[in-house]
Amino acid sequence: MDKVRRLKINTDESRQVIDITDKVTNLVSKSASACLVFVAHTTCAVTTADLDPGTDLDLLDAVWEMIPKLKYRHPHNPEHVPAHLASSIIGPSVLVPVEENKLVLGTWQRIIFVELDGPRERRLIVVSIG
């Protein structure tokens, strides 16, 4: 199995949290000791989270509250700057240990994709390490 795999995510909302744990698990090689998930975009992110009902919206609300309301100077489109900043706060990647071909996550922990400027088609790279 390839050590580098690709995953496409199509989002439906401008801001959205999607559980990608099962999709990532299916892409991890059997010999892996870790898995890196990287999103190749600057207005979305990847992290881990508890996905009890409502916590996805709590995460989005909290991140957007961290973004200052400024007059942004982005030459392409200043309206995208808050999504760029939120993406940087959350981060473009997550590294998860793998043991016996299973992601090592906490009881409630899931790998999530966070859309911050959708809807769009997004590309993620999943790398099996080891």
Protein backbone atom coordinates (compact mmCIF):
# COMPACT_ATOMS: atom_id res chain seq x y z
CA MET A 1 0.00 0.00 0.00
CA ASP A 2 1.25 3.50 -0.77
CA LYS A 3 2.56 5.52 2.13
CA VAL A 4 1.06 8.72 0.69
CA ARG A 5 -2.66 8.69 -0.06
CA ARG A 6 -5.06 11.43 -1.07
CA LEU A 7 -8.53 12.18 0.22
CA LYS A 8 -11.11 14.54 -1.27
CA ILE A 9 -13.69 16.24 0.92
CA ASN A 10 -16.65 18.16 -0.50
CA THR A 11 -18.15 20.62 1.95
CA ASP A 12 -21.72 21.91 1.95
CA GLU A 13 -21.45 24.95 4.24
CA SER A 14 -19.31 28.06 4.51
CA ARG A 15 -18.15 26.82 7.93
CA GLN A 16 -18.37 23.16 8.76
CA VAL A 17 -16.78 20.41 10.84
CA ILE A 18 -16.54 16.95 9.28
CA ASP A 19 -15.45 13.77 11.06
CA ILE A 20 -12.85 12.11 8.81
CA THR A 21 -11.57 9.50 11.29
CA ASP A 22 -12.96 6.47 9.44
CA LYS A 23 -11.76 7.71 6.04
CA VAL A 24 -8.27 8.29 7.41
CA THR A 25 -8.24 4.87 9.11
CA ASN A 26 -9.01 3.23 5.76
CA LEU A 27 -5.99 4.92 4.17
CA VAL A 28 -3.36 4.02 6.79
CA SER A 29 -0.87 1.35 5.71
CA LYS A 30 -0.68 -1.83 7.79
CA SER A 31 2.96 -1.20 8.73
CA ALA A 32 2.44 2.39 9.91
CA SER A 33 3.41 3.57 13.37
CA ALA A 34 2.00 7.07 12.81
CA CYS A 35 -0.27 8.88 10.42
CA LEU A 36 0.04 12.48 9.26
CA VAL A 37 -3.06 14.20 7.87
CA PHE A 38 -2.35 17.44 6.02
CA VAL A 39 -4.77 19.78 4.28
CA ALA A 40 -3.36 21.49 1.19
CA HIS A 41 -5.36 24.72 1.52
CA THR A 42 -5.12 27.95 3.54
CA THR A 43 -8.78 28.43 4.48
CA CYS A 44 -9.48 25.10 6.18
CA ALA A 45 -7.80 23.02 8.86
CA VAL A 46 -7.38 19.58 10.45
CA THR A 47 -7.30 18.73 14.15
CA THR A 48 -8.82 16.37 16.71
CA ALA A 49 -11.93 17.00 18.79
CA ASP A 50 -14.75 15.53 20.81
CA LEU A 51 -17.85 15.54 18.60
CA ASP A 52 -20.63 15.41 21.16
CA PRO A 53 -23.70 17.18 19.72
CA GLY A 54 -23.05 20.89 19.41
CA THR A 55 -19.31 20.81 20.03
CA ASP A 56 -18.62 21.27 16.33
CA LEU A 57 -20.49 24.59 16.44
CA ASP A 58 -18.79 25.49 19.73
CA LEU A 59 -15.40 25.04 18.06
CA LEU A 60 -16.37 27.20 15.08
CA ASP A 61 -17.86 29.91 17.31
CA ALA A 62 -14.79 29.97 19.58
CA VAL A 63 -12.32 30.22 16.69
CA TRP A 64 -14.30 33.01 14.98
CA GLU A 65 -14.42 34.95 18.27
CA MET A 66 -10.59 34.90 18.30
CA ILE A 67 -10.42 36.66 14.93
CA PRO A 68 -10.25 40.44 15.28
CA LYS A 69 -12.60 42.61 13.27
CA LEU A 70 -10.04 44.67 11.33
CA LYS A 71 -9.73 46.30 7.95
CA TYR A 72 -7.69 43.58 6.23
CA ARG A 73 -5.32 44.25 3.33
CA HIS A 74 -5.30 40.87 1.54
CA PRO A 75 -4.74 41.78 -2.13
CA HIS A 76 -6.89 38.97 -3.53
CA ASN A 77 -9.97 39.40 -1.35
CA PRO A 78 -9.90 40.90 2.16
CA GLU A 79 -13.08 38.97 3.08
CA HIS A 80 -11.02 35.74 3.07
CA VAL A 81 -8.56 36.93 5.72
CA PRO A 82 -10.60 35.75 8.74
CA ALA A 83 -10.68 32.23 7.23
CA HIS A 84 -6.90 32.35 6.66
CA LEU A 85 -6.32 33.42 10.26
CA ALA A 86 -8.71 30.81 11.70
CA SER A 87 -6.98 28.15 9.61
CA SER A 88 -3.61 29.18 11.03
CA ILE A 89 -4.95 29.06 14.58
CA ILE A 90 -6.27 25.51 14.19
CA GLY A 91 -3.48 24.29 11.90
CA PRO A 92 -3.09 22.47 8.60
CA SER A 93 -2.14 19.06 9.98
CA VAL A 94 -2.41 16.50 12.73
CA LEU A 95 -0.07 13.61 13.59
CA VAL A 96 -1.68 10.54 15.19
CA PRO A 97 0.10 7.41 16.46
CA VAL A 98 -0.90 4.07 14.94
CA GLU A 99 -0.77 0.78 16.81
CA GLU A 100 -1.80 -2.60 15.35
CA ASN A 101 -3.24 -0.83 12.28
CA LYS A 102 -5.51 1.40 14.42
CA LEU A 103 -5.29 5.11 15.09
CA VAL A 104 -4.44 5.72 18.74
CA LEU A 105 -7.06 8.25 19.82
CA GLY A 106 -8.69 9.08 23.13
CA THR A 107 -12.11 7.67 23.98
CA TRP A 108 -14.03 10.59 22.45
CA GLN A 109 -11.32 11.89 20.17
CA ARG A 110 -11.96 12.07 16.42
CA ILE A 111 -9.94 13.49 13.52
CA ILE A 112 -11.86 16.40 12.08
CA PHE A 113 -11.67 18.53 8.96
CA VAL A 114 -12.68 22.15 9.55
CA GLU A 115 -14.05 24.10 6.59
CA LEU A 116 -13.71 27.86 7.09
CA ASP A 117 -14.50 29.24 3.61
CA GLY A 118 -16.76 26.82 1.77
CA PRO A 119 -18.50 25.19 0.24
CA ARG A 120 -15.61 23.75 -1.75
CA GLU A 121 -13.84 20.58 -2.81
CA ARG A 122 -10.78 20.10 -0.59
CA ARG A 123 -7.70 17.90 -0.92
CA LEU A 124 -6.10 16.19 2.04
CA ILE A 125 -2.89 14.18 2.09
CA VAL A 126 -2.63 11.18 4.41
CA VAL A 127 0.89 9.91 5.03
CA SER A 128 1.57 6.57 6.72
CA ILE A 129 4.84 6.83 8.64
CA GLY A 130 6.96 3.83 9.58
